[in-house]
Amino acid sequence: MISPEQAGIVIMLVGIYGLMAKREPVKLVLSINVVSLGLVLFFVGLAYSPGRDVPIMPTDPVDPLPATLMLTTLVVDVAITSLALAIIMRMRGEGE
C-alpha cells in the first residue's frame, strides 16, 4: 500500500512535470498548486502518528504544529493563486 509521503512525492512530481511541459500561464498556476498540495500531503503524512490523541485535553497528544503550518500553507496558496489568476486576466485584457 502506498504511504501518504509517497503519494505526496508522486503528486509533486506530476506538478513539476506540468511546470516543465506547459507554457500557458493558467496551466503553470495550476501546476504550482499541484506541487503545493503534494507538499502538504507529504508533510501531513510525515506528522501522522497512529494511536495518538488529538491535542485537546489529551493523555498522549499529537504535535499540532505540522497541521497548523499546513493549514496556513493552504490559505496562502489560495491567496497566491487568486493573485496570479488576476494578473493573468489583466495581461490578457479580460479584466477591463
PDB file of N, CA and C in Angstrom:
ATOM      1  N   MET A   1       0.838  -1.177   0.000  1.00  0.00           N
ATOM      2  CA  MET A   1       0.000   0.000   0.000  1.00  0.00           C
ATOM      3  C   MET A   1       0.888   1.249   0.000  1.00  0.00           C
ATOM      4  N   ILE A   2       0.456   2.257  -0.700  1.00  0.00           N
ATOM      5  CA  ILE A   2       1.243   3.485  -0.814  1.00  0.00           C
ATOM      6  C   ILE A   2       1.034   4.361   0.427  1.00  0.00           C
ATOM      7  N   SER A   3       2.118   4.918   0.911  1.00  0.00           N
ATOM      8  CA  SER A   3       2.034   5.780   2.097  1.00  0.00           C
ATOM      9  C   SER A   3       1.704   7.219   1.667  1.00  0.00           C
ATOM     10  N   PRO A   4       1.232   8.042   2.601  1.00  0.00           N
ATOM     11  CA  PRO A   4       0.952   9.443   2.254  1.00  0.00           C
ATOM     12  C   PRO A   4       2.198  10.196   1.786  1.00  0.00           C
ATOM     13  N   GLU A   5       3.353   9.847   2.339  1.00  0.00           N
ATOM     14  CA  GLU A   5       4.582  10.506   1.919  1.00  0.00           C
ATOM     15  C   GLU A   5       4.890  10.186   0.460  1.00  0.00           C
ATOM     16  N   GLN A   6       4.733   8.920   0.073  1.00  0.00           N
ATOM     17  CA  GLN A   6       4.980   8.532  -1.314  1.00  0.00           C
ATOM     18  C   GLN A   6       3.969   9.169  -2.255  1.00  0.00           C
ATOM     19  N   ALA A   7       2.707   9.224  -1.833  1.00  0.00           N
ATOM     20  CA  ALA A   7       1.683   9.862  -2.662  1.00  0.00           C
ATOM     21  C   ALA A   7       1.980  11.349  -2.827  1.00  0.00           C
ATOM     22  N   GLY A   8       2.440  12.002  -1.774  1.00  0.00           N
ATOM     23  CA  GLY A   8       2.802  13.412  -1.865  1.00  0.00           C
ATOM     24  C   GLY A   8       3.946  13.648  -2.830  1.00  0.00           C
ATOM     25  N   ILE A   9       4.940  12.758  -2.803  1.00  0.00           N
ATOM     26  CA  ILE A   9       6.072  12.890  -3.729  1.00  0.00           C
ATOM     27  C   ILE A   9       5.611  12.701  -5.165  1.00  0.00           C
ATOM     28  N   VAL A  10       4.744  11.719  -5.407  1.00  0.00           N
ATOM     29  CA  VAL A  10       4.227  11.485  -6.764  1.00  0.00           C
ATOM     30  C   VAL A  10       3.436  12.694  -7.253  1.00  0.00           C
ATOM     31  N   ILE A  11       2.599  13.261  -6.392  1.00  0.00           N
ATOM     32  CA  ILE A  11       1.808  14.434  -6.773  1.00  0.00           C
ATOM     33  C   ILE A  11       2.728  15.628  -7.046  1.00  0.00           C
ATOM     34  N   MET A  12       3.769  15.802  -6.243  1.00  0.00           N
ATOM     35  CA  MET A  12       4.715  16.887  -6.504  1.00  0.00           C
ATOM     36  C   MET A  12       5.416  16.689  -7.842  1.00  0.00           C
ATOM     37  N   LEU A  13       5.776  15.452  -8.171  1.00  0.00           N
ATOM     38  CA  LEU A  13       6.432  15.180  -9.453  1.00  0.00           C
ATOM     39  C   LEU A  13       5.500  15.458 -10.627  1.00  0.00           C
ATOM     40  N   VAL A  14       4.212  15.155 -10.479  1.00  0.00           N
ATOM     41  CA  VAL A  14       3.246  15.470 -11.534  1.00  0.00           C
ATOM     42  C   VAL A  14       3.171  16.989 -11.732  1.00  0.00           C
ATOM     43  N   GLY A  15       3.155  17.736 -10.646  1.00  0.00           N
ATOM     44  CA  GLY A  15       3.132  19.193 -10.747  1.00  0.00           C
ATOM     45  C   GLY A  15       4.402  19.753 -11.364  1.00  0.00           C
ATOM     46  N   ILE A  16       5.543  19.189 -11.026  1.00  0.00           N
ATOM     47  CA  ILE A  16       6.802  19.642 -11.610  1.00  0.00           C
ATOM     48  C   ILE A  16       6.835  19.331 -13.102  1.00  0.00           C
ATOM     49  N   TYR A  17       6.296  18.179 -13.491  1.00  0.00           N
ATOM     50  CA  TYR A  17       6.190  17.868 -14.919  1.00  0.00           C
ATOM     51  C   TYR A  17       5.310  18.897 -15.628  1.00  0.00           C
ATOM     52  N   GLY A  18       4.208  19.282 -15.003  1.00  0.00           N
ATOM     53  CA  GLY A  18       3.341  20.307 -15.582  1.00  0.00           C
ATOM     54  C   GLY A  18       4.058  21.635 -15.731  1.00  0.00           C
ATOM     55  N   LEU A  19       4.912  21.984 -14.768  1.00  0.00           N
ATOM     56  CA  LEU A  19       5.678  23.224 -14.869  1.00  0.00           C
ATOM     57  C   LEU A  19       6.678  23.177 -16.027  1.00  0.00           C
ATOM     58  N   MET A  20       7.259  21.997 -16.262  1.00  0.00           N
ATOM     59  CA  MET A  20       8.246  21.887 -17.326  1.00  0.00           C
ATOM     60  C   MET A  20       7.612  21.745 -18.709  1.00  0.00           C
ATOM     61  N   ALA A  21       6.448  21.111 -18.792  1.00  0.00           N
ATOM     62  CA  ALA A  21       5.879  20.763 -20.086  1.00  0.00           C
ATOM     63  C   ALA A  21       4.915  21.801 -20.641  1.00  0.00           C
ATOM     64  N   LYS A  22       4.307  22.601 -19.809  1.00  0.00           N
ATOM     65  CA  LYS A  22       3.275  23.532 -20.264  1.00  0.00           C
ATOM     66  C   LYS A  22       3.816  24.951 -20.318  1.00  0.00           C
ATOM     67  N   ARG A  23       3.255  25.751 -21.218  1.00  0.00           N
ATOM     68  CA  ARG A  23       3.673  27.141 -21.365  1.00  0.00           C
ATOM     69  C   ARG A  23       2.543  28.131 -21.109  1.00  0.00           C
ATOM     70  N   GLU A  24       1.293  27.666 -21.055  1.00  0.00           N
ATOM     71  CA  GLU A  24       0.175  28.574 -20.812  1.00  0.00           C
ATOM     72  C   GLU A  24       0.187  29.018 -19.349  1.00  0.00           C
ATOM     73  N   PRO A  25      -0.008  30.304 -19.094  1.00  0.00           N
ATOM     74  CA  PRO A  25       0.093  30.806 -17.710  1.00  0.00           C
ATOM     75  C   PRO A  25      -0.899  30.164 -16.741  1.00  0.00           C
ATOM     76  N   VAL A  26      -2.131  29.898 -17.184  1.00  0.00           N
ATOM     77  CA  VAL A  26      -3.116  29.286 -16.283  1.00  0.00           C
ATOM     78  C   VAL A  26      -2.682  27.874 -15.903  1.00  0.00           C
ATOM     79  N   LYS A  27      -2.154  27.131 -16.861  1.00  0.00           N
ATOM     80  CA  LYS A  27      -1.683  25.772 -16.563  1.00  0.00           C
ATOM     81  C   LYS A  27      -0.466  25.792 -15.654  1.00  0.00           C
ATOM     82  N   LEU A  28       0.371  26.821 -15.775  1.00  0.00           N
ATOM     83  CA  LEU A  28       1.508  26.941 -14.863  1.00  0.00           C
ATOM     84  C   LEU A  28       1.044  27.205 -13.434  1.00  0.00           C
ATOM     85  N   VAL A  29       0.030  28.051 -13.285  1.00  0.00           N
ATOM     86  CA  VAL A  29      -0.513  28.334 -11.948  1.00  0.00           C
ATOM     87  C   VAL A  29      -1.117  27.056 -11.354  1.00  0.00           C
ATOM     88  N   LEU A  30      -1.847  26.304 -12.162  1.00  0.00           N
ATOM     89  CA  LEU A  30      -2.424  25.047 -11.672  1.00  0.00           C
ATOM     90  C   LEU A  30      -1.338  24.039 -11.310  1.00  0.00           C
ATOM     91  N   SER A  31      -0.256  24.013 -12.068  1.00  0.00           N
ATOM     92  CA  SER A  31       0.853  23.105 -11.746  1.00  0.00           C
ATOM     93  C   SER A  31       1.511  23.490 -10.423  1.00  0.00           C
ATOM     94  N   ILE A  32       1.637  24.778 -10.170  1.00  0.00           N
ATOM     95  CA  ILE A  32       2.184  25.224  -8.884  1.00  0.00           C
ATOM     96  C   ILE A  32       1.265  24.791  -7.748  1.00  0.00           C
ATOM     97  N   ASN A  33      -0.053  24.856  -7.968  1.00  0.00           N
ATOM     98  CA  ASN A  33      -0.999  24.395  -6.953  1.00  0.00           C
ATOM     99  C   ASN A  33      -0.856  22.904  -6.692  1.00  0.00           C
ATOM    100  N   VAL A  34      -0.644  22.127  -7.740  1.00  0.00           N
ATOM    101  CA  VAL A  34      -0.472  20.684  -7.571  1.00  0.00           C
ATOM    102  C   VAL A  34       0.792  20.387  -6.769  1.00  0.00           C
ATOM    103  N   VAL A  35       1.876  21.096  -7.051  1.00  0.00           N
ATOM    104  CA  VAL A  35       3.110  20.914  -6.274  1.00  0.00           C
ATOM    105  C   VAL A  35       2.867  21.260  -4.805  1.00  0.00           C
ATOM    106  N   SER A  36       2.159  22.339  -4.557  1.00  0.00           N
ATOM    107  CA  SER A  36       1.880  22.760  -3.184  1.00  0.00           C
ATOM    108  C   SER A  36       1.025  21.729  -2.443  1.00  0.00           C
ATOM    109  N   LEU A  37       0.018  21.202  -3.112  1.00  0.00           N
ATOM    110  CA  LEU A  37      -0.830  20.197  -2.462  1.00  0.00           C
ATOM    111  C   LEU A  37      -0.065  18.899  -2.194  1.00  0.00           C
ATOM    112  N   GLY A  38       0.825  18.533  -3.096  1.00  0.00           N
ATOM    113  CA  GLY A  38       1.673  17.366  -2.853  1.00  0.00           C
ATOM    114  C   GLY A  38       2.580  17.572  -1.655  1.00  0.00           C
ATOM    115  N   LEU A  39       3.102  18.787  -1.517  1.00  0.00           N
ATOM    116  CA  LEU A  39       3.945  19.103  -0.367  1.00  0.00           C
ATOM    117  C   LEU A  39       3.160  19.029   0.937  1.00  0.00           C
ATOM    118  N   VAL A  40       1.933  19.536   0.922  1.00  0.00           N
ATOM    119  CA  VAL A  40       1.085  19.476   2.112  1.00  0.00           C
ATOM    120  C   VAL A  40       0.804  18.023   2.482  1.00  0.00           C
ATOM    121  N   LEU A  41       0.461  17.201   1.488  1.00  0.00           N
ATOM    122  CA  LEU A  41       0.202  15.780   1.761  1.00  0.00           C
ATOM    123  C   LEU A  41       1.445  15.089   2.306  1.00  0.00           C
ATOM    124  N   PHE A  42       2.603  15.433   1.770  1.00  0.00           N
ATOM    125  CA  PHE A  42       3.855  14.843   2.248  1.00  0.00           C
ATOM    126  C   PHE A  42       4.094  15.165   3.723  1.00  0.00           C
ATOM    127  N   PHE A  43       3.956  16.437   4.091  1.00  0.00           N
ATOM    128  CA  PHE A  43       4.225  16.824   5.477  1.00  0.00           C
ATOM    129  C   PHE A  43       3.157  16.333   6.446  1.00  0.00           C
ATOM    130  N   VAL A  44       1.906  16.305   6.012  1.00  0.00           N
ATOM    131  CA  VAL A  44       0.856  15.757   6.879  1.00  0.00           C
ATOM    132  C   VAL A  44       1.091  14.258   7.085  1.00  0.00           C
ATOM    133  N   GLY A  45       1.527  13.571   6.035  1.00  0.00           N
ATOM    134  CA  GLY A  45       1.846  12.148   6.172  1.00  0.00           C
ATOM    135  C   GLY A  45       3.014  11.901   7.112  1.00  0.00           C
ATOM    136  N   LEU A  46       4.011  12.785   7.070  1.00  0.00           N
ATOM    137  CA  LEU A  46       5.143  12.648   7.993  1.00  0.00           C
ATOM    138  C   LEU A  46       4.728  12.873   9.444  1.00  0.00           C
ATOM    139  N   ALA A  47       3.772  13.768   9.659  1.00  0.00           N
ATOM    140  CA  ALA A  47       3.364  14.113  11.030  1.00  0.00           C
ATOM    141  C   ALA A  47       2.364  13.124  11.612  1.00  0.00           C
ATOM    142  N   TYR A  48       1.838  12.212  10.792  1.00  0.00           N
ATOM    143  CA  TYR A  48       0.828  11.269  11.274  1.00  0.00           C
ATOM    144  C   TYR A  48       1.442  10.292  12.271  1.00  0.00           C
ATOM    145  N   SER A  49       0.760  10.118  13.400  1.00  0.00           N
ATOM    146  CA  SER A  49       1.196   9.182  14.435  1.00  0.00           C
ATOM    147  C   SER A  49       0.013   8.298  14.811  1.00  0.00           C
ATOM    148  N   PRO A  50       0.013   7.041  14.412  1.00  0.00           N
ATOM    149  CA  PRO A  50      -1.134   6.182  14.751  1.00  0.00           C
ATOM    150  C   PRO A  50      -1.230   5.936  16.247  1.00  0.00           C
ATOM    151  N   GLY A  51      -2.451   5.967  16.743  1.00  0.00           N
ATOM    152  CA  GLY A  51      -2.697   5.666  18.146  1.00  0.00           C
ATOM    153  C   GLY A  51      -2.532   6.844  19.085  1.00  0.00           C
ATOM    154  N   ARG A  52      -2.291   8.023  18.573  1.00  0.00           N
ATOM    155  CA  ARG A  52      -2.122   9.206  19.433  1.00  0.00           C
ATOM    156  C   ARG A  52      -3.427   9.975  19.497  1.00  0.00           C
ATOM    157  N   ASP A  53      -3.615  10.762  20.563  1.00  0.00           N
ATOM    158  CA  ASP A  53      -4.836  11.538  20.788  1.00  0.00           C
ATOM    159  C   ASP A  53      -4.751  12.902  20.120  1.00  0.00           C
ATOM    160  N   VAL A  54      -5.927  13.509  19.915  1.00  0.00           N
ATOM    161  CA  VAL A  54      -5.968  14.893  19.449  1.00  0.00           C
ATOM    162  C   VAL A  54      -5.469  15.788  20.575  1.00  0.00           C
ATOM    163  N   PRO A  55      -4.904  16.963  20.249  1.00  0.00           N
ATOM    164  CA  PRO A  55      -4.296  17.793  21.299  1.00  0.00           C
ATOM    165  C   PRO A  55      -5.295  18.639  22.090  1.00  0.00           C
ATOM    166  N   ILE A  56      -6.446  18.077  22.445  1.00  0.00           N
ATOM    167  CA  ILE A  56      -7.415  18.773  23.292  1.00  0.00           C
ATOM    168  C   ILE A  56      -7.625  17.889  24.520  1.00  0.00           C
ATOM    169  N   MET A  57      -7.082  18.280  25.637  1.00  0.00           N
ATOM    170  CA  MET A  57      -7.147  17.510  26.888  1.00  0.00           C
ATOM    171  C   MET A  57      -6.662  16.066  26.681  1.00  0.00           C
ATOM    172  N   PRO A  58      -5.481  15.889  26.126  1.00  0.00           N
ATOM    173  CA  PRO A  58      -5.018  14.527  25.812  1.00  0.00           C
ATOM    174  C   PRO A  58      -4.188  13.900  26.924  1.00  0.00           C
ATOM    175  N   THR A  59      -4.013  12.596  26.795  1.00  0.00           N
ATOM    176  CA  THR A  59      -3.051  11.903  27.649  1.00  0.00           C
ATOM    177  C   THR A  59      -1.758  11.663  26.869  1.00  0.00           C
ATOM    178  N   ASP A  60      -1.880  11.368  25.565  1.00  0.00           N
ATOM    179  CA  ASP A  60      -0.725  11.158  24.689  1.00  0.00           C
ATOM    180  C   ASP A  60      -0.960  11.972  23.413  1.00  0.00           C
ATOM    181  N   PRO A  61      -0.624  13.279  23.436  1.00  0.00           N
ATOM    182  CA  PRO A  61      -1.047  14.149  22.331  1.00  0.00           C
ATOM    183  C   PRO A  61      -0.166  14.039  21.086  1.00  0.00           C
ATOM    184  N   VAL A  62      -0.767  14.411  19.971  1.00  0.00           N
ATOM    185  CA  VAL A  62      -0.049  14.578  18.709  1.00  0.00           C
ATOM    186  C   VAL A  62       0.420  16.022  18.641  1.00  0.00           C
ATOM    187  N   ASP A  63       1.547  16.249  18.017  1.00  0.00           N
ATOM    188  CA  ASP A  63       2.047  17.616  17.859  1.00  0.00           C
ATOM    189  C   ASP A  63       1.149  18.370  16.874  1.00  0.00           C
ATOM    190  N   PRO A  64       0.502  19.462  17.291  1.00  0.00           N
ATOM    191  CA  PRO A  64      -0.404  20.188  16.400  1.00  0.00           C
ATOM    192  C   PRO A  64       0.296  21.143  15.437  1.00  0.00           C
ATOM    193  N   LEU A  65       1.592  21.358  15.588  1.00  0.00           N
ATOM    194  CA  LEU A  65       2.301  22.330  14.759  1.00  0.00           C
ATOM    195  C   LEU A  65       2.299  21.982  13.272  1.00  0.00           C
ATOM    196  N   PRO A  66       2.563  20.737  12.852  1.00  0.00           N
ATOM    197  CA  PRO A  66       2.537  20.457  11.407  1.00  0.00           C
ATOM    198  C   PRO A  66       1.181  20.719  10.762  1.00  0.00           C
ATOM    199  N   ALA A  67       0.098  20.354  11.423  1.00  0.00           N
ATOM    200  CA  ALA A  67      -1.228  20.602  10.856  1.00  0.00           C
ATOM    201  C   ALA A  67      -1.506  22.096  10.770  1.00  0.00           C
ATOM    202  N   THR A  68      -1.070  22.844  11.762  1.00  0.00           N
ATOM    203  CA  THR A  68      -1.259  24.289  11.751  1.00  0.00           C
ATOM    204  C   THR A  68      -0.479  24.933  10.612  1.00  0.00           C
ATOM    205  N   LEU A  69       0.756  24.511  10.417  1.00  0.00           N
ATOM    206  CA  LEU A  69       1.566  25.067   9.335  1.00  0.00           C
ATOM    207  C   LEU A  69       0.998  24.707   7.967  1.00  0.00           C
ATOM    208  N   MET A  70       0.477  23.496   7.812  1.00  0.00           N
ATOM    209  CA  MET A  70      -0.083  23.093   6.519  1.00  0.00           C
ATOM    210  C   MET A  70      -1.389  23.826   6.228  1.00  0.00           C
ATOM    211  N   LEU A  71      -2.177  24.109   7.260  1.00  0.00           N
ATOM    212  CA  LEU A  71      -3.391  24.898   7.065  1.00  0.00           C
ATOM    213  C   LEU A  71      -3.033  26.318   6.624  1.00  0.00           C
ATOM    214  N   THR A  72      -2.004  26.881   7.237  1.00  0.00           N
ATOM    215  CA  THR A  72      -1.533  28.200   6.832  1.00  0.00           C
ATOM    216  C   THR A  72      -1.023  28.170   5.396  1.00  0.00           C
ATOM    217  N   THR A  73      -0.331  27.105   5.020  1.00  0.00           N
ATOM    218  CA  THR A  73       0.165  26.960   3.656  1.00  0.00           C
ATOM    219  C   THR A  73      -0.983  26.931   2.652  1.00  0.00           C
ATOM    220  N   LEU A  74      -2.059  26.238   2.973  1.00  0.00           N
ATOM    221  CA  LEU A  74      -3.202  26.176   2.071  1.00  0.00           C
ATOM    222  C   LEU A  74      -3.857  27.544   1.909  1.00  0.00           C
ATOM    223  N   VAL A  75      -3.962  28.300   2.984  1.00  0.00           N
ATOM    224  CA  VAL A  75      -4.568  29.637   2.906  1.00  0.00           C
ATOM    225  C   VAL A  75      -3.704  30.561   2.055  1.00  0.00           C
ATOM    226  N   VAL A  76      -2.406  30.534   2.257  1.00  0.00           N
ATOM    227  CA  VAL A  76      -1.502  31.360   1.461  1.00  0.00           C
ATOM    228  C   VAL A  76      -1.538  30.928  -0.001  1.00  0.00           C
ATOM    229  N   ASP A  77      -1.647  29.629  -0.258  1.00  0.00           N
ATOM    230  CA  ASP A  77      -1.717  29.110  -1.622  1.00  0.00           C
ATOM    231  C   ASP A  77      -2.960  29.621  -2.351  1.00  0.00           C
ATOM    232  N   VAL A  78      -4.083  29.682  -1.664  1.00  0.00           N
ATOM    233  CA  VAL A  78      -5.305  30.221  -2.279  1.00  0.00           C
ATOM    234  C   VAL A  78      -5.127  31.699  -2.611  1.00  0.00           C
ATOM    235  N   ALA A  79      -4.500  32.446  -1.722  1.00  0.00           N
ATOM    236  CA  ALA A  79      -4.286  33.873  -1.977  1.00  0.00           C
ATOM    237  C   ALA A  79      -3.337  34.093  -3.151  1.00  0.00           C
ATOM    238  N   ILE A  80      -2.272  33.323  -3.213  1.00  0.00           N
ATOM    239  CA  ILE A  80      -1.319  33.456  -4.317  1.00  0.00           C
ATOM    240  C   ILE A  80      -1.959  33.055  -5.636  1.00  0.00           C
ATOM    241  N   THR A  81      -2.772  31.999  -5.613  1.00  0.00           N
ATOM    242  CA  THR A  81      -3.451  31.556  -6.835  1.00  0.00           C
ATOM    243  C   THR A  81      -4.402  32.624  -7.345  1.00  0.00           C
ATOM    244  N   SER A  82      -5.178  33.215  -6.459  1.00  0.00           N
ATOM    245  CA  SER A  82      -6.115  34.249  -6.899  1.00  0.00           C
ATOM    246  C   SER A  82      -5.368  35.464  -7.435  1.00  0.00           C
ATOM    247  N   LEU A  83      -4.271  35.842  -6.818  1.00  0.00           N
ATOM    248  CA  LEU A  83      -3.478  36.963  -7.308  1.00  0.00           C
ATOM    249  C   LEU A  83      -2.871  36.645  -8.675  1.00  0.00           C
ATOM    250  N   ALA A  84      -2.337  35.447  -8.845  1.00  0.00           N
ATOM    251  CA  ALA A  84      -1.739  35.058 -10.129  1.00  0.00           C
ATOM    252  C   ALA A  84      -2.784  35.025 -11.238  1.00  0.00           C
ATOM    253  N   LEU A  85      -3.958  34.505 -10.939  1.00  0.00           N
ATOM    254  CA  LEU A  85      -5.007  34.465 -11.965  1.00  0.00           C
ATOM    255  C   LEU A  85      -5.510  35.864 -12.300  1.00  0.00           C
ATOM    256  N   ALA A  86      -5.570  36.761 -11.324  1.00  0.00           N
ATOM    257  CA  ALA A  86      -5.958  38.142 -11.599  1.00  0.00           C
ATOM    258  C   ALA A  86      -4.925  38.837 -12.481  1.00  0.00           C
ATOM    259  N   ILE A  87      -3.652  38.576 -12.237  1.00  0.00           N
ATOM    260  CA  ILE A  87      -2.596  39.153 -13.069  1.00  0.00           C
ATOM    261  C   ILE A  87      -2.671  38.602 -14.489  1.00  0.00           C
ATOM    262  N   ILE A  88      -2.947  37.320 -14.624  1.00  0.00           N
ATOM    263  CA  ILE A  88      -3.085  36.722 -15.959  1.00  0.00           C
ATOM    264  C   ILE A  88      -4.263  37.333 -16.699  1.00  0.00           C
ATOM    265  N   MET A  89      -5.375  37.520 -16.009  1.00  0.00           N
ATOM    266  CA  MET A  89      -6.525  38.150 -16.664  1.00  0.00           C
ATOM    267  C   MET A  89      -6.198  39.578 -17.091  1.00  0.00           C
ATOM    268  N   ARG A  90      -5.479  40.309 -16.272  1.00  0.00           N
ATOM    269  CA  ARG A  90      -5.100  41.679 -16.607  1.00  0.00           C
ATOM    270  C   ARG A  90      -4.154  41.698 -17.807  1.00  0.00           C
ATOM    271  N   MET A  91      -3.233  40.737 -17.872  1.00  0.00           N
ATOM    272  CA  MET A  91      -2.310  40.665 -19.008  1.00  0.00           C
ATOM    273  C   MET A  91      -3.045  40.384 -20.311  1.00  0.00           C
ATOM    274  N   ARG A  92      -4.066  39.580 -20.271  1.00  0.00           N
ATOM    275  CA  ARG A  92      -4.829  39.240 -21.473  1.00  0.00           C
ATOM    276  C   ARG A  92      -5.856  40.301 -21.826  1.00  0.00           C
ATOM    277  N   GLY A  93      -6.112  41.235 -20.937  1.00  0.00           N
ATOM    278  CA  GLY A  93      -7.077  42.280 -21.200  1.00  0.00           C
ATOM    279  C   GLY A  93      -8.507  41.870 -20.920  1.00  0.00           C
ATOM    280  N   GLU A  94      -8.693  40.789 -20.136  1.00  0.00           N
ATOM    281  CA  GLU A  94     -10.033  40.293 -19.837  1.00  0.00           C
ATOM    282  C   GLU A  94     -10.651  40.974 -18.634  1.00  0.00           C
ATOM    283  N   GLY A  95      -9.867  41.688 -17.843  1.00  0.00           N
ATOM    284  CA  GLY A  95     -10.379  42.272 -16.612  1.00  0.00           C
ATOM    285  C   GLY A  95     -10.894  43.692 -16.759  1.00  0.00           C
ATOM    286  N   GLU A  96     -11.037  44.170 -17.978  1.00  0.00           N
ATOM    287  CA  GLU A  96     -11.476  45.557 -18.173  1.00  0.00           C
ATOM    288  C   GLU A  96     -12.963  45.674 -18.260  1.00  0.00           C
TER     289      GLU A  96
END
